[in-house]
Amino acid sequence: GGPAGEKAPPSPSPLPPRAASPPPCRPTAHPPLPLPRLLLPARGTGLPLPLPARTPGPRSPPGSLLPTSAAAVVPAARGAGSPGLEISAPQRGRTTSGWPLPSSALLHAAAPWALWTSATADDMVGALMGANLSVFMLWRVLAHPRFITDPHMVWLDMYLGGRLHTLLMSAWNNVDPMFMRKHFMTSLDNFTSGRLHTMLTSSFSHMDLKHLFNNMVGLYFFGSSIARTFGPGFLFQLYVTGALTGSVFYLAEKIFLAPRKEVFGGWKTPCLGASAAVNAIILLEIFLHPTKLLYLHLFIPVPAALMGVGLIGADLWRVKKGESRVSGSSHLGGALVAAAAFAEIKGWI
């Protein structure tokens, strides 16, 4: 945004004379020289505000699922015949995203979420896990009034001088008892009521500690690998896309396949959990490393390709069987996102 940029005034020092016979141009690994600084008018004044120009880097094609950091390694993957990951070795340490931040000061002021694109790989995984844990605690506090009778909560309340009990009682008296079900579960009722945000918020929602633990283990190990290879921004986009696609598949199953009766597995049954998003992350890692050994239940070694076949086959069986407590349709939505991301990385689409 803003008026057209003006060129910076010429430097007072003269430029050095050019060589008589410059060396031939060869490809180099060094980054290109920085562009001239741009001058934009400062907000509320007539004075120009200098902004540092961005160094041009690789950009993903329009409509691409890949962020800039992933697009940088795509050309190496295209034409690779090996089934393993040969596009780029995972970078060690704390990798930052390759997404360029907006250069406009207005965008920075109006869209603080853009700072997420500069997070490190470990920070992005931690942020996603923290969001899941926070929503889990909301379920404990708002949807389970007996939570305060837990011995650990009683001890904590005594340590805080009774303030925790007062805070929780105030929350229960002022919050709709159905708040979590209305805003953190995917269902046809929420969809038809206009609560479309539940298609995403449900992917951060868990009522069962075992359910939360299983998803967070997959997110930690596989998500860390994806984020360090393609950048944390790519991991965030993959998580969100897998979550939304999983919700769409779940709602489609309830509309077209589920029996129209008000019982478990019926057409109004709600759904929650990060399984679709985590499934997209796990299956993308499996597609990239089909010969890698994975450990089922943390200690049983299984080839990655075999585990991938087992995961997809189990979800297809759940959809065919119906009335399962595990949503195979939402898992398959995540699998589709993983397949699309893999095909784009390989240059097939």
Protein backbone atom coordinates (compact mmCIF):
# COMPACT_ATOMS: atom_id res chain seq x y z
CA GLY A 1 0.00 0.00 0.00
CA GLY A 2 0.99 3.68 -0.14
CA PRO A 3 2.25 5.90 -2.95
CA ALA A 4 4.89 4.80 -5.36
CA GLY A 5 8.31 4.61 -3.76
CA GLU A 6 10.97 7.16 -4.62
CA LYS A 7 14.56 6.30 -5.22
CA ALA A 8 16.99 7.16 -2.44
CA PRO A 9 19.25 10.22 -3.12
CA PRO A 10 22.60 9.32 -4.67
CA SER A 11 25.49 8.70 -2.36
CA PRO A 12 27.92 11.66 -2.06
CA SER A 13 30.91 9.38 -2.57
CA PRO A 14 31.69 8.54 -6.24
CA LEU A 15 31.45 4.95 -7.36
CA PRO A 16 34.73 3.11 -8.06
CA PRO A 17 35.65 2.72 -11.74
CA ARG A 18 34.57 -0.52 -13.35
CA ALA A 19 37.16 -3.12 -14.27
CA ALA A 20 38.34 -3.13 -17.85
CA SER A 21 37.58 -6.81 -18.39
CA PRO A 22 35.01 -8.12 -15.91
CA PRO A 23 35.10 -11.82 -15.14
CA PRO A 24 32.43 -13.97 -16.77
CA CYS A 25 29.15 -14.35 -14.82
CA ARG A 26 28.88 -17.68 -13.02
CA PRO A 27 26.22 -19.07 -10.69
CA THR A 28 27.04 -18.32 -7.09
CA ALA A 29 25.62 -19.38 -3.77
CA HIS A 30 25.84 -15.83 -2.38
CA PRO A 31 22.52 -13.94 -2.03
CA PRO A 32 21.83 -11.11 -4.50
CA LEU A 33 22.75 -7.58 -3.58
CA PRO A 34 20.08 -5.75 -1.55
CA LEU A 35 17.71 -3.48 -3.40
CA PRO A 36 17.76 0.30 -2.82
CA ARG A 37 15.88 1.51 0.25
CA LEU A 38 12.34 2.70 -0.35
CA LEU A 39 10.90 5.93 1.03
CA LEU A 40 7.30 5.88 2.18
CA PRO A 41 5.48 8.77 3.90
CA ALA A 42 5.30 8.36 7.68
CA ARG A 43 1.82 8.12 9.14
CA GLY A 44 0.45 11.53 10.12
CA THR A 45 3.43 13.48 8.76
CA GLY A 46 4.74 14.63 5.44
CA LEU A 47 8.18 13.21 6.11
CA PRO A 48 9.43 10.14 4.30
CA LEU A 49 9.89 7.02 6.41
CA PRO A 50 12.78 4.84 5.19
CA LEU A 51 12.02 1.14 5.19
CA PRO A 52 14.63 -1.54 4.53
CA ALA A 53 14.02 -3.28 1.24
CA ARG A 54 13.59 -7.05 1.27
CA THR A 55 16.11 -9.24 -0.40
CA PRO A 56 14.32 -11.13 -3.18
CA GLY A 57 14.11 -14.81 -2.45
CA PRO A 58 12.35 -17.85 -3.83
CA ARG A 59 8.59 -17.52 -4.03
CA SER A 60 6.06 -20.28 -4.37
CA PRO A 61 3.76 -20.25 -7.41
CA PRO A 62 0.32 -18.60 -7.10
CA GLY A 63 -2.15 -20.78 -5.24
CA SER A 64 0.59 -23.05 -3.95
CA LEU A 65 0.16 -24.86 -0.65
CA LEU A 66 3.87 -24.43 0.00
CA PRO A 67 5.26 -21.33 1.71
CA THR A 68 8.38 -19.67 0.41
CA SER A 69 10.67 -21.81 2.56
CA ALA A 70 9.21 -24.99 1.13
CA ALA A 71 9.23 -23.64 -2.41
CA ALA A 72 12.98 -23.18 -2.07
CA VAL A 73 13.50 -26.93 -1.91
CA VAL A 74 10.83 -27.97 -4.41
CA PRO A 75 13.07 -27.70 -7.51
CA ALA A 76 15.48 -30.18 -5.97
CA ALA A 77 12.67 -32.65 -5.40
CA ARG A 78 11.24 -32.49 -8.88
CA GLY A 79 12.55 -35.26 -11.00
CA ALA A 80 13.95 -37.15 -8.02
CA GLY A 81 13.24 -40.83 -8.48
CA SER A 82 14.09 -41.98 -4.97
CA PRO A 83 11.07 -42.70 -2.76
CA GLY A 84 12.89 -41.20 0.21
CA LEU A 85 13.26 -37.56 1.09
CA GLU A 86 16.06 -36.19 -1.03
CA ILE A 87 14.89 -32.64 -1.42
CA SER A 88 16.63 -31.17 1.59
CA ALA A 89 18.15 -32.59 4.73
CA PRO A 90 16.40 -31.43 7.91
CA GLN A 91 18.16 -28.40 9.26
CA ARG A 92 19.53 -28.81 12.74
CA GLY A 93 18.72 -26.44 15.51
CA ARG A 94 16.03 -23.81 15.52
CA THR A 95 14.90 -23.17 11.96
CA THR A 96 12.98 -20.03 11.09
CA SER A 97 10.25 -19.75 8.51
CA GLY A 98 11.07 -18.51 5.04
CA TRP A 99 7.84 -16.51 4.69
CA PRO A 100 8.69 -12.85 4.04
CA LEU A 101 6.98 -10.42 6.40
CA PRO A 102 4.88 -7.62 4.87
CA SER A 103 6.96 -4.53 4.16
CA SER A 104 4.10 -2.12 4.76
CA ALA A 105 3.94 -0.55 8.21
CA LEU A 106 0.14 -0.52 7.87
CA LEU A 107 0.04 -4.31 7.46
CA HIS A 108 2.25 -4.75 10.51
CA ALA A 109 -0.08 -2.58 12.57
CA ALA A 110 -3.29 -4.13 11.26
CA ALA A 111 -2.15 -7.77 11.17
CA PRO A 112 -0.02 -8.64 14.22
CA TRP A 113 -0.58 -12.31 13.42
CA ALA A 114 2.02 -11.86 10.66
CA LEU A 115 4.70 -12.12 13.33
CA TRP A 116 3.86 -15.85 13.57
CA THR A 117 5.60 -16.30 10.24
CA SER A 118 8.93 -15.48 11.90
CA ALA A 119 8.58 -18.10 14.65
CA THR A 120 11.13 -20.88 14.97
CA ALA A 121 10.34 -24.52 14.28
CA ASP A 122 10.41 -25.47 17.96
CA ASP A 123 8.31 -22.44 18.91
CA MET A 124 5.64 -23.29 16.34
CA VAL A 125 5.34 -26.87 17.58
CA GLY A 126 5.22 -25.59 21.15
CA ALA A 127 2.55 -23.01 20.26
CA LEU A 128 0.30 -25.62 18.65
CA MET A 129 0.72 -27.96 21.61
CA GLY A 130 0.09 -25.11 24.03
CA ALA A 131 -3.13 -24.17 22.24
CA ASN A 132 -4.35 -27.78 22.51
CA LEU A 133 -3.46 -27.94 26.20
CA SER A 134 -5.21 -24.61 26.89
CA VAL A 135 -8.46 -25.76 25.30
CA PHE A 136 -8.21 -29.04 27.23
CA MET A 137 -8.01 -27.03 30.46
CA LEU A 138 -11.08 -25.05 29.37
CA TRP A 139 -12.96 -28.34 29.07
CA ARG A 140 -11.81 -29.29 32.57
CA VAL A 141 -12.86 -25.96 34.08
CA LEU A 142 -16.04 -25.05 32.18
CA ALA A 143 -17.55 -28.42 31.27
CA HIS A 144 -16.69 -30.44 34.40
CA PRO A 145 -17.76 -28.66 37.61
CA ARG A 146 -16.32 -31.50 39.72
CA PHE A 147 -12.88 -30.51 38.51
CA ILE A 148 -12.37 -28.37 41.59
CA THR A 149 -12.70 -31.42 43.87
CA ASP A 150 -9.55 -32.92 42.40
CA PRO A 151 -6.93 -33.20 45.20
CA HIS A 152 -4.38 -31.24 43.19
CA MET A 153 -6.86 -28.43 42.60
CA VAL A 154 -7.79 -28.38 46.31
CA TRP A 155 -4.13 -28.07 47.24
CA LEU A 156 -3.62 -25.31 44.69
CA ASP A 157 -6.73 -23.50 45.97
CA MET A 158 -5.37 -23.64 49.52
CA TYR A 159 -2.04 -22.26 48.34
CA LEU A 160 -3.84 -19.37 46.61
CA GLY A 161 -5.95 -18.60 49.66
CA GLY A 162 -9.27 -19.69 48.17
CA ARG A 163 -9.02 -17.38 45.17
CA LEU A 164 -9.14 -20.28 42.68
CA HIS A 165 -12.45 -21.55 44.07
CA THR A 166 -13.92 -18.05 43.79
CA LEU A 167 -12.69 -17.67 40.21
CA LEU A 168 -14.05 -21.04 39.09
CA MET A 169 -17.43 -20.49 40.72
CA SER A 170 -17.68 -17.13 38.97
CA ALA A 171 -16.85 -18.77 35.63
CA TRP A 172 -19.47 -21.50 36.08
CA ASN A 173 -22.14 -18.96 37.06
CA ASN A 174 -21.49 -16.60 34.13
CA VAL A 175 -20.59 -18.93 31.26
CA ASP A 176 -23.11 -20.91 29.24
CA PRO A 177 -22.84 -24.60 30.30
CA MET A 178 -22.92 -25.49 26.59
CA PHE A 179 -20.17 -22.98 25.72
CA MET A 180 -17.53 -25.61 24.90
CA ARG A 181 -19.93 -27.76 22.89
CA LYS A 182 -21.11 -24.73 20.92
CA HIS A 183 -17.66 -23.36 20.13
CA PHE A 184 -15.16 -26.24 20.26
CA MET A 185 -16.92 -29.16 18.56
CA THR A 186 -17.71 -29.83 14.90
CA SER A 187 -21.35 -30.78 14.33
CA LEU A 188 -24.17 -30.18 11.88
CA ASP A 189 -25.99 -28.14 14.52
CA ASN A 190 -23.05 -25.79 14.92
CA PHE A 191 -22.58 -25.58 11.15
CA THR A 192 -26.22 -24.77 10.40
CA SER A 193 -26.28 -22.30 13.31
CA GLY A 194 -23.52 -20.27 11.70
CA ARG A 195 -20.75 -21.27 14.10
CA LEU A 196 -18.35 -22.01 11.28
CA HIS A 197 -15.31 -21.31 13.46
CA THR A 198 -15.90 -24.69 15.10
CA MET A 199 -14.51 -26.35 11.98
CA LEU A 200 -11.10 -25.08 13.14
CA THR A 201 -11.45 -24.70 16.91
CA SER A 202 -12.54 -28.33 17.23
CA SER A 203 -9.07 -29.36 16.04
CA PHE A 204 -7.57 -27.88 19.24
CA SER A 205 -10.18 -29.51 21.48
CA HIS A 206 -9.89 -32.65 23.61
CA MET A 207 -11.98 -33.85 26.56
CA ASP A 208 -10.01 -37.05 27.19
CA LEU A 209 -6.43 -36.89 28.49
CA LYS A 210 -5.46 -40.04 26.56
CA HIS A 211 -6.82 -38.53 23.33
CA LEU A 212 -4.81 -35.36 23.95
CA PHE A 213 -1.63 -37.28 24.78
CA ASN A 214 -1.74 -39.44 21.64
CA ASN A 215 -2.26 -36.47 19.33
CA MET A 216 0.42 -34.36 21.01
CA VAL A 217 2.99 -37.18 20.74
CA GLY A 218 2.38 -37.34 16.97
CA LEU A 219 2.45 -33.55 16.66
CA TYR A 220 5.71 -33.27 18.60
CA PHE A 221 7.76 -35.91 16.79
CA PHE A 222 6.40 -35.61 13.24
CA GLY A 223 5.57 -31.90 13.40
CA SER A 224 9.09 -31.04 14.52
CA SER A 225 10.54 -32.88 11.51
CA ILE A 226 8.18 -31.15 9.07
CA ALA A 227 8.82 -27.71 10.57
CA ARG A 228 12.60 -28.08 10.45
CA THR A 229 12.50 -29.26 6.84
CA PHE A 230 9.97 -26.86 5.32
CA GLY A 231 9.67 -24.13 7.92
CA PRO A 232 7.27 -23.51 10.82
CA GLY A 233 4.90 -21.53 8.61
CA PHE A 234 4.40 -24.59 6.44
CA LEU A 235 3.64 -26.70 9.53
CA PHE A 236 1.02 -24.20 10.69
CA GLN A 237 -0.59 -24.11 7.25
CA LEU A 238 -0.57 -27.91 7.04
CA TYR A 239 -2.18 -28.19 10.49
CA VAL A 240 -4.94 -25.69 9.67
CA THR A 241 -5.62 -27.13 6.21
CA GLY A 242 -5.76 -30.68 7.58
CA ALA A 243 -8.12 -29.58 10.35
CA LEU A 244 -10.54 -27.77 8.02
CA THR A 245 -10.53 -30.56 5.44
CA GLY A 246 -11.12 -33.14 8.16
CA SER A 247 -14.13 -31.15 9.40
CA VAL A 248 -15.54 -30.93 5.88
CA PHE A 249 -15.17 -34.69 5.40
CA TYR A 250 -16.80 -35.36 8.77
CA LEU A 251 -19.81 -33.15 8.02
CA ALA A 252 -20.15 -34.72 4.56
CA GLU A 253 -20.19 -38.19 6.11
CA LYS A 254 -22.92 -37.18 8.55
CA ILE A 255 -25.02 -35.68 5.77
CA PHE A 256 -24.71 -38.46 3.19
CA LEU A 257 -23.72 -41.65 5.03
CA ALA A 258 -24.70 -41.56 8.70
CA PRO A 259 -28.15 -42.89 9.64
CA ARG A 260 -30.55 -40.13 10.59
CA LYS A 261 -31.18 -41.13 14.18
CA GLU A 262 -30.30 -39.42 17.45
CA VAL A 263 -27.85 -42.00 18.77
CA PHE A 264 -24.06 -42.25 18.83
CA GLY A 265 -22.86 -42.31 15.27
CA GLY A 266 -26.00 -40.56 14.07
CA TRP A 267 -26.16 -37.51 11.87
CA LYS A 268 -25.99 -34.97 14.74
CA THR A 269 -23.07 -36.56 16.58
CA PRO A 270 -20.41 -33.88 17.35
CA CYS A 271 -16.70 -34.37 16.80
CA LEU A 272 -13.55 -32.89 18.34
CA GLY A 273 -9.82 -33.54 18.36
CA ALA A 274 -6.63 -32.72 16.47
CA SER A 275 -6.54 -36.13 14.78
CA ALA A 276 -7.25 -34.88 11.25
CA ALA A 277 -4.56 -32.19 11.44
CA VAL A 278 -2.03 -34.54 13.06
CA ASN A 279 -2.89 -37.25 10.53
CA ALA A 280 -1.97 -34.86 7.71
CA ILE A 281 1.39 -34.20 9.38
CA ILE A 282 2.15 -37.87 10.10
CA LEU A 283 1.18 -39.10 6.63
CA LEU A 284 3.19 -36.39 4.88
CA GLU A 285 6.25 -37.50 6.83
CA ILE A 286 5.48 -41.12 5.89
CA PHE A 287 5.09 -40.22 2.20
CA LEU A 288 8.45 -38.45 2.30
CA HIS A 289 10.23 -41.24 4.20
CA PRO A 290 8.49 -44.53 3.24
CA THR A 291 11.46 -46.71 4.24
CA LYS A 292 12.01 -45.10 7.62
CA LEU A 293 11.38 -47.12 10.78
CA LEU A 294 8.64 -45.76 13.04
CA TYR A 295 7.84 -46.97 16.53
CA LEU A 296 4.27 -47.97 17.18
CA HIS A 297 3.29 -47.19 20.78
CA LEU A 298 6.80 -45.72 21.13
CA PHE A 299 8.64 -49.06 21.15
CA ILE A 300 7.38 -51.40 18.33
CA PRO A 301 9.45 -50.81 15.14
CA VAL A 302 7.30 -50.68 11.99
CA PRO A 303 8.26 -49.56 8.44
CA ALA A 304 6.74 -46.18 7.68
CA ALA A 305 5.05 -47.38 4.48
CA LEU A 306 3.36 -50.23 6.33
CA MET A 307 2.14 -47.90 9.04
CA GLY A 308 0.74 -45.53 6.42
CA VAL A 309 -1.18 -48.35 4.74
CA GLY A 310 -2.50 -49.43 8.14
CA LEU A 311 -3.66 -45.92 9.09
CA ILE A 312 -5.50 -45.29 5.82
CA GLY A 313 -6.95 -48.81 5.70
CA ALA A 314 -8.28 -48.54 9.27
CA ASP A 315 -9.98 -45.23 8.48
CA LEU A 316 -11.61 -46.63 5.34
CA TRP A 317 -12.94 -49.52 7.42
CA ARG A 318 -14.33 -47.13 10.03
CA VAL A 319 -16.22 -45.18 7.37
CA LYS A 320 -17.62 -48.39 5.88
CA LYS A 321 -18.58 -49.82 9.24
CA GLY A 322 -20.02 -46.60 10.70
CA GLU A 323 -20.93 -45.81 14.31
CA SER A 324 -17.30 -45.76 15.40
CA ARG A 325 -15.99 -43.62 18.24
CA VAL A 326 -13.07 -42.68 15.97
CA SER A 327 -13.94 -40.57 12.94
CA GLY A 328 -12.41 -42.27 9.94
CA SER A 329 -13.81 -39.62 7.59
CA SER A 330 -12.00 -36.73 9.29
CA HIS A 331 -8.77 -38.76 9.29
CA LEU A 332 -9.16 -39.33 5.56
CA GLY A 333 -9.55 -35.58 5.08
CA GLY A 334 -6.15 -35.12 6.71
CA ALA A 335 -4.73 -37.90 4.53
CA LEU A 336 -5.94 -36.10 1.40
CA VAL A 337 -4.16 -32.91 2.49
CA ALA A 338 -0.95 -34.88 3.08
CA ALA A 339 -1.20 -36.46 -0.38
CA ALA A 340 -1.78 -33.07 -2.03
CA ALA A 341 1.19 -31.53 -0.20
CA PHE A 342 3.42 -34.47 -1.16
CA ALA A 343 2.35 -34.26 -4.81
CA GLU A 344 3.13 -30.55 -4.87
CA ILE A 345 6.54 -31.09 -3.27
CA LYS A 346 7.36 -33.69 -5.92
CA GLY A 347 6.16 -31.39 -8.70
CA TRP A 348 3.31 -33.64 -9.81
CA ILE A 349 0.70 -30.88 -9.47
